Amino acid sequence: MRAHPPSRWYRAQKFLRRHRVGVAFGTALAATVLAALGVLLWQAREMRQEQRRADAMRDFMVGAFVEAEPGAPRDGPPRITEVAEKAIARARDDADMDERVRVELLDELGAMLRHQGRLQAARDTLQWNYERARGAFGDDAPLSVSAGYELGQSLESLGEIEVARTLCDRLLSYASDPDLRRELLQLSALLATRSHDKVRSIADANAAVDLARKEPNAPHLAEALSYLSSAQLDAGNVQDAIATSRQQLALRQRQYGSGHPSVATAHATLSRAYRRAGDLDAAQRHILAALDIDRAVLHPEDWRVSRHLNALVVLRLEQRDFEAALASAREALRIDRVAYGDEHARVLDDLAKIGSVALKAEDYASALPPLREWAQRAKNATGAAAAETRIDYAIAIAHQGQRDAGMAELRRAVAMLESGPGGPTPDRAESYAKLAAFQLESGAVADASVTLDALDACLAAAAPPDRPSLERAITLRARVLLQQGRAADARTLLDRASSQAFVDAVARTEAPLLSAQAALQARDFDAARRFATLGDANLAALPHPPSRLPRLASDLRRDLDTSMPK
């Protein structure tokens, strides 16, 4: 038998037996190198794709601005909304555009329209984009979920809460990316707050906070905490909201120092919580801190300055400093006209607020012009807020000598309230309270009683009801009972309410005066004198009281002097 030289396979086996450890290490090293090379190649491909998408988006937007250049003389440069709308039309019609680029572009452009107040146009764009993304990538693709999230924000801005809720729940079932899921949970918490689902709003806001805490360095934790604070305030958990807002402020200060716009926003959030707790000094300290930062770092006509001025308006109303409230409201309107233009929703809100503040000050002549402008620009407005402003408009018209026109507006406002979806809701309570007060002043006692039934149903839908709103409902009901000659029922109602100290300064003054009136009707002169004295003391401490209260106090003193046995 002839000998053969060792085969390659034989030599390989022999080498492996002698060098098992080294070969194993070398194999592992080679595998690691190959895997790393594969990752690098994949990353390079992804980077090239990202760069191509970025280049495509850049070129597209440059082209959109070039196309917006006027071909003929015009009053001024094109508005950003004009550029966005032309860009949207181009993106929708471009058959050669990469689908990922299209979806990402329309996400941004739709959001831009929403921020500029073009709410219906934004909704239409984002709806089309979401359906396109689902068709191209599937329901569960991150790009589709992101497009749906932008649509959900647009729906919330339009007040389409039920539609937004259905969409948000569907998106949450698909969202696996932690950052996107956190944003959806924040939106879900906001929607729950808008629909008065206090349990869900807090649960979803807490879940968003938990996700934010798990992120490296928690960059979005302060944002998540702001949603939690809002949910806690809506649920009546005021002290929890203060603690959450203080944590948010501390985070923002650690992130940015003491003079950053985000810190100003956190101060404003904390101010709101303190105001709801009745600590007006702390609320004032924080909202003024926010405005000090604004003045130091922002343009004087930045929209954030307007937001914080409007928060100051609410505080000044609580302090019953109507002159200062009107000054801040008018400055906010001026800024928003410059920042957004006359047709923006924020401008309409500012007009409504100025009118409402002027009515509280009983300055009907100053209230009418902004409310008339609101009515002209908001012809198709619906919902509880629009109904409330239309009631203000009706009251301003009636007090300016146009009673028939005012009553026509009032009927329109009532129809808006009664046609609203979902039955009694807490956000309609203020409208019914204003309506009942106006009916009482007009002598329509039976109508006021029916309106107060609707107000009671709205307050019952809140758990717990807002205490100042509840106190106002009690004093309105007592006025109705007194005008119906039911003094004993009025006194029982007021005695029961007085077992818990009134938090609203006007109700705290009005309740003992009404109790004195009820006691006087029952010829309980000692009680009438005691209640009248308490009411007079509270009236002396009340800045800018409603004119009906000094009249009531004066009438009581006169009636007591003439009715008391000699």
Protein backbone atom coordinates (compact mmCIF):
# COMPACT_ATOMS: atom_id res chain seq x y z
CA MET A 1 0.00 0.00 0.00
CA ARG A 2 1.43 3.30 -1.09
CA ALA A 3 1.83 6.05 1.47
CA HIS A 4 0.17 9.40 0.67
CA PRO A 5 1.07 12.78 2.06
CA PRO A 6 -1.41 13.95 4.74
CA SER A 7 -4.58 15.44 3.25
CA ARG A 8 -5.66 19.02 3.97
CA TRP A 9 -8.61 17.74 6.00
CA TYR A 10 -6.30 15.52 8.08
CA ARG A 11 -3.93 18.40 8.74
CA ALA A 12 -6.85 20.68 9.70
CA GLN A 13 -8.22 18.13 12.16
CA LYS A 14 -4.80 17.67 13.70
CA PHE A 15 -4.32 21.42 14.07
CA LEU A 16 -7.73 21.81 15.70
CA ARG A 17 -6.99 19.05 18.22
CA ARG A 18 -3.70 20.65 19.22
CA HIS A 19 -5.00 24.21 19.41
CA ARG A 20 -8.57 23.95 20.60
CA VAL A 21 -8.49 27.05 22.85
CA GLY A 22 -6.74 29.29 20.38
CA VAL A 23 -8.98 28.24 17.53
CA ALA A 24 -12.10 28.80 19.63
CA PHE A 25 -10.91 32.26 20.58
CA GLY A 26 -9.98 33.06 16.99
CA THR A 27 -13.36 31.87 15.76
CA ALA A 28 -15.17 33.99 18.31
CA LEU A 29 -13.02 36.98 17.39
CA ALA A 30 -13.75 36.50 13.71
CA ALA A 31 -17.45 36.20 14.40
CA THR A 32 -17.37 39.36 16.48
CA VAL A 33 -15.48 41.23 13.76
CA LEU A 34 -17.95 40.04 11.12
CA ALA A 35 -20.92 40.99 13.28
CA ALA A 36 -19.45 44.41 14.01
CA LEU A 37 -18.74 44.87 10.33
CA GLY A 38 -22.34 43.95 9.56
CA VAL A 39 -23.62 46.47 12.09
CA LEU A 40 -21.34 49.15 10.68
CA LEU A 41 -22.52 48.42 7.15
CA TRP A 42 -26.16 48.52 8.32
CA GLN A 43 -25.56 51.78 10.17
CA ALA A 44 -23.84 53.26 7.14
CA ARG A 45 -26.78 52.26 4.95
CA GLU A 46 -29.23 53.76 7.47
CA MET A 47 -27.16 56.94 7.65
CA ARG A 48 -27.15 57.20 3.86
CA GLN A 49 -30.92 56.72 3.81
CA GLU A 50 -31.40 59.29 6.57
CA GLN A 51 -29.15 61.71 4.70
CA ARG A 52 -31.09 61.16 1.49
CA ARG A 53 -34.37 61.82 3.35
CA ALA A 54 -32.94 64.92 5.01
CA ASP A 55 -31.66 66.19 1.67
CA ALA A 56 -35.02 65.50 0.04
CA MET A 57 -36.89 67.34 2.82
CA ARG A 58 -34.46 70.28 2.66
CA ASP A 59 -34.72 70.56 -1.13
CA PHE A 60 -38.49 70.29 -0.95
CA MET A 61 -38.87 73.05 1.63
CA VAL A 62 -36.44 75.35 -0.19
CA GLY A 63 -38.51 74.79 -3.31
CA ALA A 64 -41.71 75.53 -1.42
CA PHE A 65 -40.39 78.90 -0.25
CA VAL A 66 -39.08 79.75 -3.73
CA GLU A 67 -42.47 78.94 -5.23
CA ALA A 68 -44.13 81.21 -2.67
CA GLU A 69 -42.16 84.24 -3.91
CA PRO A 70 -44.66 86.70 -5.40
CA GLY A 71 -44.76 86.98 -9.16
CA ALA A 72 -46.49 90.34 -8.89
CA PRO A 73 -46.52 93.18 -6.35
CA ARG A 74 -48.29 92.35 -3.10
CA ASP A 75 -48.87 93.92 0.31
CA GLY A 76 -46.14 91.92 2.01
CA PRO A 77 -44.23 88.65 2.10
CA PRO A 78 -46.22 85.41 2.02
CA ARG A 79 -47.54 84.24 5.38
CA ILE A 80 -46.10 81.03 6.77
CA THR A 81 -49.52 79.40 6.38
CA GLU A 82 -49.53 80.19 2.65
CA VAL A 83 -46.13 78.55 2.25
CA ALA A 84 -47.25 75.53 4.29
CA GLU A 85 -50.46 75.06 2.30
CA LYS A 86 -48.63 75.24 -1.04
CA ALA A 87 -46.01 72.80 0.25
CA ILE A 88 -48.76 70.42 1.39
CA ALA A 89 -50.38 70.50 -2.05
CA ARG A 90 -47.02 69.76 -3.69
CA ALA A 91 -46.24 66.90 -1.33
CA ARG A 92 -49.62 65.27 -1.88
CA ASP A 93 -49.37 65.53 -5.68
CA ASP A 94 -45.73 64.44 -6.12
CA ALA A 95 -45.97 60.84 -7.35
CA ASP A 96 -42.18 60.37 -7.26
CA MET A 97 -41.67 61.42 -3.64
CA ASP A 98 -40.39 58.79 -1.22
CA GLU A 99 -43.29 57.75 1.02
CA ARG A 100 -41.32 58.13 4.25
CA VAL A 101 -40.30 61.65 3.23
CA ARG A 102 -43.90 62.50 2.34
CA VAL A 103 -45.30 61.28 5.66
CA GLU A 104 -42.62 63.05 7.72
CA LEU A 105 -43.07 66.29 5.77
CA LEU A 106 -46.85 66.32 6.09
CA ASP A 107 -46.54 65.56 9.81
CA GLU A 108 -44.48 68.72 10.26
CA LEU A 109 -46.53 70.88 7.90
CA GLY A 110 -49.84 69.79 9.44
CA ALA A 111 -48.51 70.55 12.91
CA MET A 112 -47.38 73.96 11.65
CA LEU A 113 -50.90 74.76 10.46
CA ARG A 114 -52.30 73.66 13.82
CA HIS A 115 -49.91 75.93 15.72
CA GLN A 116 -50.89 78.81 13.42
CA GLY A 117 -54.58 78.32 14.19
CA ARG A 118 -55.60 76.74 10.86
CA LEU A 119 -57.24 73.91 12.75
CA GLN A 120 -59.54 72.47 10.08
CA ALA A 121 -56.86 72.64 7.39
CA ALA A 122 -54.44 70.92 9.78
CA ARG A 123 -56.97 68.20 10.54
CA ASP A 124 -57.64 67.53 6.84
CA THR A 125 -53.92 67.35 6.05
CA LEU A 126 -53.09 65.08 8.98
CA GLN A 127 -56.07 62.80 8.34
CA TRP A 128 -54.93 62.28 4.73
CA ASN A 129 -51.37 61.73 5.88
CA TYR A 130 -52.36 59.16 8.50
CA GLU A 131 -54.42 57.15 6.04
CA ARG A 132 -51.56 57.30 3.52
CA ALA A 133 -49.05 56.10 6.13
CA ARG A 134 -51.29 53.19 7.16
CA GLY A 135 -51.65 52.14 3.54
CA ALA A 136 -47.93 52.34 2.86
CA PHE A 137 -46.47 50.97 6.10
CA GLY A 138 -49.28 49.29 8.06
CA ASP A 139 -51.14 50.28 11.22
CA ASP A 140 -48.37 49.28 13.62
CA ALA A 141 -45.45 50.97 11.87
CA PRO A 142 -43.83 53.69 14.00
CA LEU A 143 -44.27 56.17 11.14
CA SER A 144 -48.02 55.44 11.01
CA VAL A 145 -48.36 55.73 14.79
CA SER A 146 -46.49 59.04 14.73
CA ALA A 147 -48.76 60.35 11.97
CA GLY A 148 -51.78 59.26 14.01
CA TYR A 149 -50.44 61.07 17.07
CA GLU A 150 -50.25 64.35 15.14
CA LEU A 151 -53.81 63.78 13.90
CA GLY A 152 -54.94 63.13 17.49
CA GLN A 153 -53.49 66.44 18.64
CA SER A 154 -55.34 68.20 15.84
CA LEU A 155 -58.62 66.51 16.77
CA GLU A 156 -58.17 67.57 20.40
CA SER A 157 -57.57 71.17 19.33
CA LEU A 158 -60.83 71.10 17.37
CA GLY A 159 -62.73 69.68 20.31
CA GLU A 160 -63.44 66.34 18.58
CA ILE A 161 -62.74 64.53 21.82
CA GLU A 162 -64.61 61.26 21.18
CA VAL A 163 -62.99 60.79 17.76
CA ALA A 164 -59.59 61.61 19.23
CA ARG A 165 -60.16 59.13 22.07
CA THR A 166 -60.95 56.27 19.67
CA LEU A 167 -57.86 57.07 17.62
CA CYS A 168 -55.58 57.44 20.65
CA ASP A 169 -56.66 54.09 22.10
CA ARG A 170 -55.94 52.38 18.78
CA LEU A 171 -52.51 53.99 18.54
CA LEU A 172 -51.65 52.96 22.09
CA SER A 173 -52.31 49.32 21.14
CA TYR A 174 -49.57 49.60 18.49
CA ALA A 175 -47.05 51.98 20.05
CA SER A 176 -43.92 50.14 21.17
CA ASP A 177 -41.39 52.98 20.94
CA PRO A 178 -41.14 54.33 24.53
CA ASP A 179 -40.86 57.98 23.51
CA LEU A 180 -43.85 57.82 21.19
CA ARG A 181 -45.85 55.85 23.75
CA ARG A 182 -45.13 58.50 26.37
CA GLU A 183 -46.43 61.23 24.04
CA LEU A 184 -49.57 59.20 23.35
CA LEU A 185 -50.16 58.67 27.06
CA GLN A 186 -49.84 62.42 27.61
CA LEU A 187 -52.39 63.03 24.86
CA SER A 188 -54.62 60.36 26.38
CA ALA A 189 -54.42 62.06 29.79
CA LEU A 190 -55.39 65.37 28.20
CA LEU A 191 -58.34 63.77 26.39
CA ALA A 192 -59.48 62.14 29.64
CA THR A 193 -59.34 65.52 31.35
CA ARG A 194 -61.40 67.07 28.56
CA SER A 195 -64.03 64.33 28.93
CA HIS A 196 -63.96 64.57 32.76
CA ASP A 197 -62.59 61.04 33.23
CA LYS A 198 -60.48 61.91 36.26
CA VAL A 199 -59.38 58.35 37.03
CA ARG A 200 -58.00 57.75 33.56
CA SER A 201 -56.40 61.17 33.25
CA ILE A 202 -54.31 60.57 36.38
CA ALA A 203 -53.54 56.95 35.47
CA ASP A 204 -52.31 57.82 31.97
CA ALA A 205 -50.36 60.85 33.16
CA ASN A 206 -48.65 58.70 35.82
CA ALA A 207 -47.81 56.09 33.19
CA ALA A 208 -46.24 58.81 31.02
CA VAL A 209 -44.19 59.99 34.00
CA ASP A 210 -43.00 56.41 34.64
CA LEU A 211 -41.80 56.10 31.03
CA ALA A 212 -40.09 59.49 31.19
CA ARG A 213 -38.19 58.46 34.32
CA LYS A 214 -36.78 55.40 32.49
CA GLU A 215 -35.20 57.52 29.73
CA PRO A 216 -31.45 58.20 30.05
CA ASN A 217 -31.14 61.49 31.95
CA ALA A 218 -34.99 61.77 31.83
CA PRO A 219 -35.06 64.67 29.29
CA HIS A 220 -38.88 64.61 29.03
CA LEU A 221 -39.74 64.14 32.69
CA ALA A 222 -40.64 67.79 33.30
CA GLU A 223 -43.02 67.74 30.34
CA ALA A 224 -44.70 64.58 31.61
CA LEU A 225 -45.03 66.10 35.07
CA SER A 226 -46.88 69.09 33.62
CA TYR A 227 -49.56 66.73 32.25
CA LEU A 228 -49.78 65.00 35.62
CA SER A 229 -50.20 68.33 37.41
CA SER A 230 -53.09 69.28 35.09
CA ALA A 231 -54.77 65.92 35.67
CA GLN A 232 -54.41 66.28 39.43
CA LEU A 233 -55.88 69.78 39.38
CA ASP A 234 -58.83 68.60 37.30
CA ALA A 235 -59.45 65.81 39.80
CA GLY A 236 -59.38 68.28 42.69
CA ASN A 237 -56.10 66.93 44.09
CA VAL A 238 -54.71 70.43 44.55
CA GLN A 239 -51.94 69.64 47.04
CA ASP A 240 -50.70 66.79 44.83
CA ALA A 241 -50.69 69.19 41.89
CA ILE A 242 -48.61 71.69 43.87
CA ALA A 243 -46.06 69.00 44.77
CA THR A 244 -45.88 67.81 41.14
CA SER A 245 -45.52 71.36 39.82
CA ARG A 246 -42.76 72.14 42.30
CA GLN A 247 -40.89 69.04 41.14
CA GLN A 248 -41.31 70.16 37.54
CA LEU A 249 -39.94 73.62 38.33
CA ALA A 250 -36.92 72.16 40.13
CA LEU A 251 -36.16 69.91 37.15
CA ARG A 252 -36.38 72.80 34.69
CA GLN A 253 -34.09 74.93 36.84
CA ARG A 254 -31.52 72.11 37.00
CA GLN A 255 -31.74 71.66 33.22
CA TYR A 256 -31.62 75.30 32.14
CA GLY A 257 -30.74 77.55 35.06
CA SER A 258 -33.11 80.21 36.38
CA GLY A 259 -33.66 82.33 33.27
CA HIS A 260 -34.98 80.03 30.56
CA PRO A 261 -38.44 80.12 28.86
CA SER A 262 -39.08 76.54 30.03
CA VAL A 263 -38.49 77.67 33.61
CA ALA A 264 -40.99 80.48 33.06
CA THR A 265 -43.56 77.94 31.89
CA ALA A 266 -42.94 75.84 35.01
CA HIS A 267 -43.44 78.93 37.21
CA ALA A 268 -46.76 79.55 35.45
CA THR A 269 -47.87 75.95 36.03
CA LEU A 270 -47.07 76.20 39.73
CA SER A 271 -48.85 79.57 39.93
CA ARG A 272 -52.02 77.94 38.60
CA ALA A 273 -51.86 75.21 41.24
CA TYR A 274 -51.37 77.72 44.07
CA ARG A 275 -54.25 79.82 42.74
CA ARG A 276 -56.54 76.79 42.81
CA ALA A 277 -55.44 76.17 46.41
CA GLY A 278 -56.44 79.73 47.32
CA ASP A 279 -52.86 80.84 48.04
CA LEU A 280 -53.04 83.96 45.87
CA ASP A 281 -49.79 85.45 47.21
CA ALA A 282 -47.79 82.38 46.10
CA ALA A 283 -49.67 82.29 42.81
CA GLN A 284 -48.80 85.93 42.17
CA ARG A 285 -45.15 85.39 43.08
CA HIS A 286 -44.73 82.61 40.52
CA ILE A 287 -46.63 84.16 37.63
CA LEU A 288 -44.69 87.41 38.06
CA ALA A 289 -41.47 85.34 38.09
CA ALA A 290 -42.55 83.82 34.78
CA LEU A 291 -43.18 87.26 33.26
CA ASP A 292 -39.83 88.56 34.56
CA ILE A 293 -38.07 85.74 32.69
CA ASP A 294 -40.15 86.45 29.59
CA ARG A 295 -39.12 90.11 29.58
CA ALA A 296 -35.47 89.19 30.01
CA VAL A 297 -35.13 86.54 27.30
CA LEU A 298 -38.08 86.73 24.87
CA HIS A 299 -39.20 89.17 22.23
CA PRO A 300 -41.88 91.47 23.72
CA GLU A 301 -44.46 90.05 21.30
CA ASP A 302 -43.63 86.38 21.77
CA TRP A 303 -46.75 84.20 22.13
CA ARG A 304 -45.48 82.84 25.46
CA VAL A 305 -45.69 86.32 26.97
CA SER A 306 -49.38 86.38 26.01
CA ARG A 307 -49.97 82.99 27.66
CA HIS A 308 -48.51 84.19 30.94
CA LEU A 309 -50.36 87.50 30.78
CA ASN A 310 -53.60 85.56 30.45
CA ALA A 311 -52.68 83.54 33.53
CA LEU A 312 -52.12 86.84 35.33
CA VAL A 313 -55.58 87.97 34.19
CA VAL A 314 -57.18 84.98 35.93
CA LEU A 315 -55.25 85.73 39.12
CA ARG A 316 -56.21 89.42 39.05
CA LEU A 317 -59.84 88.37 38.71
CA GLU A 318 -59.48 86.22 41.81
CA GLN A 319 -58.04 89.27 43.57
CA ARG A 320 -60.92 91.34 42.12
CA ASP A 321 -58.46 93.83 40.63
CA PHE A 322 -60.49 94.37 37.46
CA GLU A 323 -58.48 97.33 36.19
CA ALA A 324 -55.22 95.37 36.27
CA ALA A 325 -56.94 92.30 34.77
CA LEU A 326 -58.26 94.36 31.84
CA ALA A 327 -54.83 95.93 31.23
CA SER A 328 -53.16 92.51 31.07
CA ALA A 329 -55.93 91.06 28.89
CA ARG A 330 -55.66 93.91 26.39
CA GLU A 331 -51.87 93.52 26.22
CA ALA A 332 -52.28 89.79 25.59
CA LEU A 333 -54.69 90.57 22.76
CA ARG A 334 -52.24 93.04 21.22
CA ILE A 335 -49.43 90.46 21.29
CA ASP A 336 -51.59 87.71 19.82
CA ARG A 337 -52.79 89.93 16.98
CA VAL A 338 -49.15 90.52 16.04
CA ALA A 339 -48.08 86.90 16.56
CA TYR A 340 -51.03 85.13 14.93
CA GLY A 341 -53.25 87.57 13.00
CA ASP A 342 -56.84 88.55 13.66
CA GLU A 343 -58.44 85.23 12.69
CA HIS A 344 -56.51 82.99 15.08
CA ALA A 345 -58.37 81.10 17.81
CA ARG A 346 -56.17 82.69 20.48
CA VAL A 347 -57.23 86.16 19.36
CA LEU A 348 -60.87 85.11 19.63
CA ASP A 349 -60.20 83.78 23.14
CA ASP A 350 -58.58 87.10 24.08
CA LEU A 351 -61.59 89.08 22.84
CA ALA A 352 -63.91 86.84 24.84
CA LYS A 353 -61.77 87.24 27.96
CA ILE A 354 -61.68 91.04 27.73
CA GLY A 355 -65.46 91.12 27.40
CA SER A 356 -65.90 88.77 30.36
CA VAL A 357 -63.57 90.81 32.59
CA ALA A 358 -65.35 94.05 31.67
CA LEU A 359 -68.71 92.47 32.52
CA LYS A 360 -67.40 91.41 35.94
CA ALA A 361 -66.41 95.03 36.47
CA GLU A 362 -69.94 96.00 35.28
CA ASP A 363 -68.33 98.16 32.59
CA TYR A 364 -70.84 97.25 29.89
CA ALA A 365 -69.70 99.92 27.45
CA SER A 366 -66.15 98.51 27.43
CA ALA A 367 -67.42 94.92 27.23
CA LEU A 368 -69.51 95.34 24.09
CA PRO A 369 -66.84 96.15 21.39
CA PRO A 370 -64.59 93.08 21.99
CA LEU A 371 -67.63 90.81 22.36
CA ARG A 372 -69.15 92.18 19.15
CA GLU A 373 -65.88 91.56 17.30
CA TRP A 374 -65.80 88.04 18.74
CA ALA A 375 -69.36 87.41 17.52
CA GLN A 376 -68.50 88.65 14.03
CA ARG A 377 -65.38 86.49 13.75
CA ALA A 378 -66.74 83.39 15.51
CA LYS A 379 -70.05 82.99 13.68
CA ASN A 380 -69.72 79.21 13.48
CA ALA A 381 -68.21 78.63 16.92
CA THR A 382 -69.80 75.85 18.96
CA GLY A 383 -69.31 74.27 22.38
CA ALA A 384 -69.61 75.36 25.98
CA ALA A 385 -66.97 78.10 25.79
CA ALA A 386 -68.63 79.67 22.74
CA ALA A 387 -72.05 79.50 24.43
CA GLU A 388 -70.65 81.23 27.52
CA THR A 389 -69.17 84.06 25.43
CA ARG A 390 -72.43 84.45 23.51
CA ILE A 391 -74.24 84.84 26.86
CA ASP A 392 -71.73 87.57 27.76
CA TYR A 393 -72.45 89.24 24.41
CA ALA A 394 -76.20 89.07 25.05
CA ILE A 395 -75.78 90.63 28.50
CA ALA A 396 -73.59 93.43 27.14
CA ILE A 397 -76.11 94.21 24.39
CA ALA A 398 -79.06 94.20 26.80
CA HIS A 399 -77.28 96.54 29.24
CA GLN A 400 -76.58 98.98 26.40
CA GLY A 401 -80.26 99.53 25.77
CA GLN A 402 -80.78 96.86 23.08
CA ARG A 403 -82.91 94.46 25.07
CA ASP A 404 -84.61 92.72 22.14
CA ALA A 405 -81.28 92.08 20.38
CA GLY A 406 -79.81 90.88 23.66
CA MET A 407 -82.65 88.43 24.24
CA ALA A 408 -82.25 87.08 20.69
CA GLU A 409 -78.57 86.41 21.35
CA LEU A 410 -79.50 84.83 24.66
CA ARG A 411 -81.89 82.40 22.95
CA ARG A 412 -79.14 81.48 20.50
CA ALA A 413 -76.74 80.82 23.36
CA VAL A 414 -79.28 78.64 25.16
CA ALA A 415 -79.81 76.62 21.98
CA MET A 416 -76.03 76.10 21.75
CA LEU A 417 -75.92 74.85 25.33
CA GLU A 418 -78.85 72.48 24.94
CA SER A 419 -77.61 71.03 21.65
CA GLY A 420 -74.19 70.12 23.04
CA PRO A 421 -73.28 66.42 23.09
CA GLY A 422 -73.01 64.24 26.14
CA GLY A 423 -75.60 65.67 28.51
CA PRO A 424 -74.69 67.83 31.53
CA THR A 425 -70.94 68.45 31.83
CA PRO A 426 -68.94 70.59 34.29
CA ASP A 427 -67.67 72.89 31.53
CA ARG A 428 -71.22 74.17 30.96
CA ALA A 429 -71.73 75.21 34.58
CA GLU A 430 -70.40 78.77 34.19
CA SER A 431 -72.70 79.38 31.22
CA TYR A 432 -75.79 78.31 33.18
CA ALA A 433 -74.71 80.40 36.17
CA LYS A 434 -74.37 83.53 34.02
CA LEU A 435 -77.69 82.79 32.34
CA ALA A 436 -79.52 82.31 35.65
CA ALA A 437 -78.06 85.53 37.08
CA PHE A 438 -79.19 87.49 34.02
CA GLN A 439 -82.68 85.96 34.18
CA LEU A 440 -82.97 86.92 37.84
CA GLU A 441 -81.91 90.50 37.10
CA SER A 442 -84.51 90.58 34.31
CA GLY A 443 -87.28 89.36 36.63
CA ALA A 444 -87.64 85.97 34.89
CA VAL A 445 -87.64 84.00 38.15
CA ALA A 446 -89.32 80.86 36.78
CA ASP A 447 -86.82 80.70 33.90
CA ALA A 448 -83.96 81.17 36.34
CA SER A 449 -85.23 78.24 38.43
CA VAL A 450 -85.21 75.95 35.36
CA THR A 451 -81.71 77.14 34.44
CA LEU A 452 -80.50 76.39 37.96
CA ASP A 453 -81.77 72.81 37.61
CA ALA A 454 -79.48 72.49 34.59
CA LEU A 455 -76.63 74.08 36.56
CA ASP A 456 -77.10 71.61 39.41
CA ALA A 457 -76.92 68.72 36.94
CA CYS A 458 -73.64 70.07 35.52
CA LEU A 459 -72.12 70.40 38.97
CA ALA A 460 -73.30 66.89 39.90
CA ALA A 461 -71.36 65.58 36.88
CA ALA A 462 -68.15 66.85 38.50
CA ALA A 463 -66.69 64.72 41.25
CA PRO A 464 -66.01 66.72 43.32
CA PRO A 465 -67.63 69.92 41.98
CA ASP A 466 -65.63 73.11 41.91
CA ARG A 467 -66.30 74.73 45.30
CA PRO A 468 -66.69 78.38 44.12
CA SER A 469 -69.09 77.24 41.37
CA LEU A 470 -71.11 75.27 43.92
CA GLU A 471 -71.29 78.27 46.24
CA ARG A 472 -72.45 80.50 43.40
CA ALA A 473 -75.19 77.99 42.55
CA ILE A 474 -76.34 78.01 46.20
CA THR A 475 -76.63 81.79 46.39
CA LEU A 476 -78.44 81.92 43.03
CA ARG A 477 -80.91 79.27 44.24
CA ALA A 478 -81.46 81.18 47.48
CA ARG A 479 -82.26 84.34 45.48
CA VAL A 480 -84.83 82.39 43.44
CA LEU A 481 -86.43 80.95 46.59
CA LEU A 482 -86.64 84.37 48.23
CA GLN A 483 -88.28 85.89 45.16
CA GLN A 484 -90.75 82.98 45.19
CA GLY A 485 -91.62 83.80 48.82
CA ARG A 486 -90.03 80.61 50.15
CA ALA A 487 -87.95 82.20 52.92
CA ALA A 488 -87.82 79.05 55.08
CA ASP A 489 -86.42 76.97 52.20
CA ALA A 490 -83.86 79.66 51.38
CA ARG A 491 -82.69 79.84 54.99
CA THR A 492 -82.40 76.04 55.27
CA LEU A 493 -80.30 75.96 52.09
CA LEU A 494 -78.03 78.76 53.28
CA ASP A 495 -77.64 77.36 56.81
CA ARG A 496 -76.60 73.99 55.40
CA ALA A 497 -74.10 75.63 53.02
CA SER A 498 -72.68 77.85 55.78
CA SER A 499 -71.68 74.81 57.83
CA GLN A 500 -68.59 74.77 55.62
CA ALA A 501 -66.77 78.08 55.26
CA PHE A 502 -67.30 79.77 51.90
CA VAL A 503 -64.13 80.03 49.82
CA ASP A 504 -65.51 82.47 47.23
CA ALA A 505 -65.36 86.06 48.51
CA VAL A 506 -68.56 87.16 46.77
CA ALA A 507 -70.53 84.14 48.02
CA ARG A 508 -69.06 84.64 51.50
CA THR A 509 -70.53 88.17 51.47
CA GLU A 510 -73.81 87.41 49.72
CA ALA A 511 -74.82 84.34 51.78
CA PRO A 512 -75.25 86.15 55.16
CA LEU A 513 -77.05 89.04 53.45
CA LEU A 514 -79.49 86.59 51.88
CA SER A 515 -79.86 84.80 55.24
CA ALA A 516 -80.72 88.16 56.79
CA GLN A 517 -83.33 88.75 54.10
CA ALA A 518 -84.85 85.29 54.75
CA ALA A 519 -84.90 85.87 58.51
CA LEU A 520 -86.49 89.26 58.01
CA GLN A 521 -89.25 87.73 55.85
CA ALA A 522 -89.86 85.24 58.70
CA ARG A 523 -89.84 88.18 61.20
CA ASP A 524 -86.86 86.67 63.04
CA PHE A 525 -85.40 90.11 63.73
CA ASP A 526 -82.52 89.04 65.96
CA ALA A 527 -81.22 86.57 63.37
CA ALA A 528 -81.77 89.13 60.61
CA ARG A 529 -79.71 91.72 62.49
CA ARG A 530 -76.94 89.18 63.24
CA PHE A 531 -76.69 88.03 59.61
CA ALA A 532 -76.85 91.58 58.27
CA THR A 533 -73.97 92.65 60.55
CA LEU A 534 -71.84 89.74 59.30
CA GLY A 535 -72.72 90.56 55.70
CA ASP A 536 -71.81 94.23 56.21
CA ALA A 537 -68.40 93.24 57.63
CA ASN A 538 -67.67 90.94 54.71
CA LEU A 539 -68.86 93.59 52.27
CA ALA A 540 -66.44 96.14 53.71
CA ALA A 541 -63.55 93.71 53.09
CA LEU A 542 -64.60 92.84 49.51
CA PRO A 543 -62.81 94.80 46.76
CA HIS A 544 -65.11 96.02 43.97
CA PRO A 545 -68.26 94.20 45.09
CA PRO A 546 -71.04 93.54 42.56
CA SER A 547 -73.43 96.49 42.70
CA ARG A 548 -76.31 94.26 43.83
CA LEU A 549 -74.61 93.58 47.18
CA PRO A 550 -74.34 97.20 48.42
CA ARG A 551 -77.95 97.67 47.29
CA LEU A 552 -79.04 94.55 49.18
CA ALA A 553 -77.18 95.63 52.31
CA SER A 554 -78.70 99.10 52.14
CA ASP A 555 -82.20 97.69 51.64
CA LEU A 556 -81.72 95.36 54.61
CA ARG A 557 -80.67 98.20 56.92
CA ARG A 558 -83.67 100.24 55.84
CA ASP A 559 -86.10 97.33 56.26
CA LEU A 560 -84.63 96.40 59.65
CA ASP A 561 -84.98 99.98 60.87
CA THR A 562 -88.61 100.14 59.78
CA SER A 563 -89.63 96.58 60.74
CA MET A 564 -87.97 96.11 64.13
CA PRO A 565 -90.44 96.41 66.99
CA LYS A 566 -89.99 99.64 68.92
